[in-house]
Amino acid sequence: MTGAIRRSRLRAAVAGGVVLLVAALGVVAAVGFGGGADGGRAQAGGAAPATATVTRQTLADSETADGELGYGTTRTATAKLNGTVTALAATGSTVRRGKPLYLIDNEEVVLLYGGLPAYRTLAPGVQGADVTQFERNLDALGYTGFTVDDEYTGATADAVREWQEDLGLTETGRVEPGRVVYADREVRVESHQADLGGLTQPGQAVLTYTGTSRVVTVELDVDDQRLAKRDAKVSVRLPDGRAVPGTISTVETVIQAGAAGANGQSGDAETKIEVTVAVTDPKALTGFDQASVDVTFTVSERRDVLTVPVAALLALAEGGYGVQVAEGGTSRVLAVTTGLFAGGRVEVTGAGITEGTTVVVPT
């Protein structure tokens, strides 16, 4: 999946704001008040200067990135047992807790829910977070007679024997890591990485899977990490032009292997920020399976503020910024305090600055 930030668009937008500001400051390098608190007054002369109006609006600093509509991050289920692949869950199918993802030597390897991978054999006397995770699943599957905690007891082993009997496994009361695969929730099988009848060994890919809900995935450079705030609201523009709201659900740091060079050696790995966006109304995605979309991140927003074009700002000799207010045939410079810069405009406050005020825009 590719979703790199649109550098040309973003850089141009940022550069545009900088150029505007530099241009404005270059027109009047240092304007002094001179005439007192109201600022200096100047008589109009020559060609009429360009002007703009102070407006009241919502100012939003936003950036847009390429995203991919699909089923989220693809993960790989790898074998931890030696044997022969005798069955695989169908591609596109949904596998839920307690159901098999695949069979090795005609014995089920089942899906359980949790974020901690299976890494050791669970047996009486073992303690830890992996025990708690497994026992929660065993309890959710309807097995009883044990306490859900971090200790694998004889009572847990008895319940496991019942579970193993139902699965058609040898009733050992022990859980080998190769018998379960953990995922956060139910999964959708995306592709098969092994063939029926193929031999497996520990570490070999068997199949890939994703989540079951369609989401938008965006890959950002580390420099743009400020855009990726969990639970932040975003706007997703679909291929048909509709914009639908969404929320950032997950943010992960991922390492991408570098592309192979001419000599066959891999380039330097890249660190990316992978952002997953859940669309507020999934029905809006009807008719789309996988597609490229635009995702707009709002970095900051100021509602109901007074704004002027960035080019209207003047650098004051006393420090800070001002604007040149046009009043009939004269003008005066008023000091302003600046706020958010966005879209070629800037938030301003100051004595004498009101909605509808006319300001000069140096050219």
Foldseek 3Di string as FASTA:
>chain_A
DAKEFPCVVVVVFVVVLVVLLVLLAVVFVAAAQVVPQQRDKDFDDDDDFDKDFWAWFKFFAKGKIKKKKAQDDKDFDAAADWAFWAFADDAQDKFFAPDARTDGVNAGQGEHEDDDAQDAKDAAPAFDPVQLRVVVSLVVVPFDQDDRDGGLHPSQLVSQLVSCVVRVHDSPSMDGSRRYGYDNTMKGWHFAPDDGGDIHHGPHTGTMIGHDAIWMKHKYAPVPCLLADFQAKKWKQDPVGDIFIKGWHDKDKDKAWAPQDPVRDTDHIGIIIMTIIDTPDSVVCPPPHMDMIMMMGGSDMDHGFIKDFSQQWYAHNVGATWGWFDDVRMIGTFGWDWDDDHDRMIGTDGPPRDGGTMTGRHD
